[in-house]
Protein backbone atom coordinates (compact mmCIF):
# COMPACT_ATOMS: atom_id res chain seq x y z
CA MET A 1 0.00 0.00 0.00
CA MET A 2 2.77 2.42 0.97
CA ARG A 3 4.68 1.59 -2.22
CA ASN A 4 1.58 2.32 -4.34
CA LEU A 5 1.05 5.65 -2.60
CA LEU A 6 4.69 6.56 -3.14
CA THR A 7 4.41 5.69 -6.85
CA LEU A 8 1.30 7.82 -7.18
CA PHE A 9 3.03 10.70 -5.42
CA ILE A 10 6.03 10.51 -7.77
CA ILE A 11 3.77 10.40 -10.83
CA SER A 12 1.76 13.37 -9.53
CA LEU A 13 4.91 15.34 -8.78
CA SER A 14 6.37 14.66 -12.22
CA LEU A 15 3.13 15.78 -13.90
CA GLN A 16 3.18 19.00 -11.88
CA MET A 17 6.77 19.63 -12.94
CA VAL A 18 5.95 19.09 -16.62
CA SER A 19 2.82 21.24 -16.47
CA GLY A 20 4.85 24.09 -15.00
CA GLN A 21 7.12 24.49 -18.03
CA GLU A 22 6.44 27.20 -20.57
CA LEU A 23 6.51 25.53 -23.98
CA ASN A 24 4.51 22.99 -25.87
CA ALA A 25 7.15 22.62 -28.57
CA THR A 26 7.32 20.21 -31.46
CA VAL A 27 10.69 19.40 -32.99
CA THR A 28 11.26 18.01 -36.47
CA VAL A 29 14.71 17.12 -37.79
CA ASN A 30 14.75 16.53 -41.54
CA ALA A 31 17.96 14.73 -42.57
CA GLU A 32 16.76 12.91 -45.66
CA ARG A 33 19.75 14.24 -47.62
CA MET A 34 22.16 12.45 -45.27
CA THR A 35 22.01 9.08 -47.00
CA ASP A 36 25.38 7.89 -45.65
CA VAL A 37 24.65 8.62 -41.96
CA ASN A 38 22.79 6.41 -39.49
CA PRO A 39 19.29 8.01 -39.32
CA GLN A 40 19.06 7.09 -35.63
CA ILE A 41 21.51 9.91 -34.89
CA PHE A 42 18.99 12.46 -36.11
CA LYS A 43 16.10 10.77 -34.32
CA ASN A 44 18.14 11.00 -31.10
CA LEU A 45 18.82 14.67 -31.85
CA GLU A 46 15.10 15.26 -32.35
CA ASN A 47 14.21 13.55 -29.07
CA LYS A 48 16.94 15.34 -27.14
CA LEU A 49 15.88 18.76 -28.40
CA PHE A 50 12.23 18.00 -27.66
CA GLU A 51 13.16 17.20 -24.07
CA PHE A 52 15.45 20.23 -23.76
CA LEU A 53 12.85 22.69 -25.03
CA ASN A 54 9.90 21.29 -23.09
CA THR A 55 11.49 20.50 -19.73
CA THR A 56 13.88 23.43 -19.24
CA LYS A 57 12.49 26.06 -16.85
CA TRP A 58 12.78 29.25 -18.89
CA THR A 59 10.95 31.71 -16.60
CA ASN A 60 9.97 32.11 -12.94
CA LYS A 61 6.29 31.94 -13.91
CA GLU A 62 4.12 28.84 -13.44
CA TYR A 63 2.33 27.90 -16.65
CA LYS A 64 -0.82 25.79 -16.58
CA LEU A 65 -1.28 23.20 -19.32
CA ASN A 66 -3.64 25.47 -21.27
CA GLU A 67 -1.17 28.38 -20.99
CA LYS A 68 1.78 26.67 -22.61
CA ILE A 69 3.12 28.39 -25.72
CA GLU A 70 2.56 26.41 -28.90
CA CYS A 71 5.71 26.50 -31.04
CA ASN A 72 7.48 24.53 -33.75
CA PHE A 73 11.17 24.02 -34.46
CA PHE A 74 11.97 22.60 -37.90
CA ILE A 75 15.62 21.71 -38.54
CA ASN A 76 16.67 20.92 -42.10
CA VAL A 77 20.11 19.28 -42.10
CA SER A 78 22.30 20.00 -45.13
CA GLU A 79 25.62 18.58 -43.92
CA PHE A 80 26.91 16.20 -41.23
CA ASN A 81 30.63 15.61 -40.74
CA SER A 82 32.32 14.25 -37.60
CA ASN A 83 29.47 15.42 -35.33
CA ASN A 84 29.42 18.85 -36.96
CA VAL A 85 26.01 19.78 -38.34
CA SER A 86 25.09 22.46 -40.86
CA ALA A 87 21.38 23.20 -41.04
CA THR A 88 18.65 25.77 -41.29
CA LEU A 89 16.15 26.37 -38.50
CA GLN A 90 12.57 27.53 -38.90
CA ILE A 91 10.75 28.70 -35.78
CA GLN A 92 7.02 29.34 -35.45
CA SER A 93 4.85 30.25 -32.49
CA SER A 94 1.21 31.12 -31.95
CA ARG A 95 -1.26 31.95 -29.19
CA PRO A 96 -4.98 31.31 -28.73
CA ILE A 97 -7.58 33.95 -29.53
CA PHE A 98 -9.97 34.41 -26.61
CA ASN A 99 -13.41 32.79 -26.92
CA SER A 100 -12.36 31.08 -30.12
CA THR A 101 -10.88 27.84 -31.45
CA TYR A 102 -8.48 29.84 -33.62
CA ARG A 103 -4.83 30.61 -32.99
CA SER A 104 -3.03 33.82 -33.86
CA PRO A 105 0.49 33.51 -35.36
CA ILE A 106 3.09 35.42 -33.37
CA LEU A 107 6.45 34.43 -34.83
CA ASN A 108 7.72 32.89 -38.08
CA LEU A 109 11.48 33.03 -38.62
CA ASN A 110 14.04 31.18 -40.70
CA ASP A 111 17.64 31.02 -39.48
CA LYS A 112 19.96 30.00 -42.33
CA ASP A 113 23.15 29.82 -40.24
CA PHE A 114 22.37 27.05 -37.75
CA ASN A 115 25.69 25.26 -37.32
CA PHE A 116 26.47 23.17 -34.26
CA THR A 117 28.20 20.11 -32.86
CA PHE A 118 26.04 17.20 -31.73
CA VAL A 119 27.42 14.34 -29.65
CA GLU A 120 24.65 11.82 -29.02
CA PHE A 121 25.12 11.13 -25.33
CA GLU A 122 26.33 14.52 -24.14
CA GLN A 123 24.02 16.47 -21.87
CA LEU A 124 22.55 19.71 -23.23
CA ILE A 125 23.43 22.48 -20.77
CA TYR A 126 21.92 25.96 -20.82
CA ASP A 127 23.20 28.97 -18.93
CA GLN A 128 22.35 32.41 -20.29
CA ASN A 129 25.62 33.79 -18.90
CA SER A 130 27.99 31.24 -20.43
CA PHE A 131 28.50 29.67 -23.84
CA ASN A 132 28.31 25.88 -23.59
CA SER A 133 27.39 25.04 -27.19
CA ASN A 134 26.01 26.78 -30.23
CA LEU A 135 23.13 24.31 -30.26
CA THR A 136 21.80 25.30 -26.84
CA SER A 137 22.62 28.99 -27.31
CA VAL A 138 20.67 29.27 -30.57
CA LEU A 139 17.68 27.39 -29.18
CA ALA A 140 17.67 29.40 -25.93
CA PHE A 141 17.96 32.62 -27.94
CA TYR A 142 14.81 31.82 -29.91
CA VAL A 143 12.94 30.44 -26.90
CA ASN A 144 13.37 33.75 -25.11
CA ILE A 145 12.17 35.63 -28.19
CA ILE A 146 9.13 33.31 -28.36
CA ILE A 147 8.35 33.91 -24.69
CA GLY A 148 9.03 37.65 -24.96
CA LEU A 149 6.71 38.19 -27.92
CA ASP A 150 4.06 35.95 -26.40
CA MET A 151 4.11 38.07 -23.23
CA ASP A 152 3.99 41.23 -25.38
CA SER A 153 0.70 39.97 -26.82
CA TYR A 154 -0.83 39.75 -23.32
CA SER A 155 0.52 42.96 -21.77
CA ASP A 156 2.01 46.20 -23.06
CA LEU A 157 5.74 45.48 -23.70
CA GLY A 158 5.40 42.65 -21.17
CA GLY A 159 8.09 40.53 -22.77
CA THR A 160 10.97 43.02 -22.58
CA LYS A 161 12.76 41.00 -19.87
CA TYR A 162 12.98 37.95 -22.13
CA LEU A 163 14.06 39.90 -25.18
CA ASP A 164 16.82 41.31 -22.97
CA ILE A 165 17.82 37.74 -22.06
CA ALA A 166 17.98 36.86 -25.77
CA SER A 167 20.22 39.89 -26.29
CA ASN A 168 22.48 38.72 -23.47
CA ILE A 169 22.70 35.23 -25.02
CA MET A 170 23.73 36.89 -28.28
CA ASN A 171 26.46 38.93 -26.55
CA VAL A 172 27.84 35.88 -24.73
CA ALA A 173 27.85 33.79 -27.92
CA GLN A 174 29.61 36.35 -30.12
CA PRO A 175 33.20 35.37 -29.21
CA SER A 176 32.46 31.72 -30.12
CA GLY A 177 33.07 32.37 -33.80
CA PHE A 178 29.86 30.65 -34.90
CA LYS A 179 27.98 32.45 -37.66
CA GLY A 180 24.82 34.40 -36.93
CA TRP A 181 25.85 36.31 -33.82
CA SER A 182 27.97 39.18 -35.13
CA GLN A 183 27.28 42.62 -36.54
CA SER A 184 30.35 42.34 -38.80
CA GLU A 185 29.20 39.35 -40.88
CA GLY A 186 27.61 41.48 -43.57
CA ASN A 187 24.28 39.73 -43.05
CA ASN A 188 21.63 42.07 -41.70
CA ASN A 189 19.19 39.16 -41.24
CA ASN A 190 21.19 37.35 -38.59
CA ARG A 191 20.48 36.99 -34.85
CA TYR A 192 22.44 40.12 -33.94
CA PHE A 193 20.25 42.37 -36.07
CA LEU A 194 17.07 40.49 -35.20
CA ILE A 195 17.29 41.12 -31.45
CA SER A 196 18.78 44.59 -31.91
CA ASP A 197 15.77 45.55 -34.04
CA MET A 198 13.29 43.99 -31.60
CA LEU A 199 14.70 46.03 -28.71
CA SER A 200 15.00 49.25 -30.69
CA SER A 201 12.60 52.16 -30.30
CA THR A 202 11.62 51.65 -33.95
CA PHE A 203 10.15 48.24 -33.16
CA VAL A 204 8.26 49.34 -30.02
CA PRO A 205 5.13 50.48 -31.95
CA TYR A 206 4.86 47.01 -33.55
CA ARG A 207 5.11 45.32 -30.15
CA LYS A 208 2.46 47.66 -28.75
CA ALA A 209 0.23 47.09 -31.77
CA MET A 210 0.41 43.33 -31.22
CA PHE A 211 -0.89 43.77 -27.66
CA GLU A 212 -3.64 46.15 -28.77
CA TYR A 213 -4.72 43.74 -31.51
CA HIS A 214 -5.04 40.79 -29.14
CA LEU A 215 -6.80 42.99 -26.60
CA LYS A 216 -9.60 43.53 -29.12
CA VAL A 217 -10.03 40.02 -30.50
């Protein structure tokens, strides 16, 4: 009897922990071009990223199951060599419209410089103040943008804190040498310019308009 109660308690606790996370993320890794690589590697990558995105505690807020942010991460692998991956990353997020079965799109981005090292059995570690891998830094960067813009849609500039975190991740990642983080790359569509634009005074009216739109619908 005691063992059954303990099992139920553990199950209940684990469900509470999962329900408290912020994202309901799907992850798709498309590696159909990698015909000479064991496809299980990419399935393991997909599973690991799903777990990383959905179980990491990204904020100090408790999210109920119906409050989780719906988002999609689509990784299209173009090259794999000695654990080094070249890919593109498409990110989408949406939020529900009140009193409706419809969802409103919030974010749709395509990152063409998603390069990282993936070792199957290494733990994915995230710390916004240190660079552990380009894989976790890029994902954490976009997660904080997703959360920031989602919060903007519920309160006036409510997501600024998380856009600031994304900016900090960008600053910490710059010395790594991975593409996508630097102002000097000659690519004004990279992560540096994305977060700089989002935090600029020019972008503030768009963030405010998103809140006002969702306030009306």
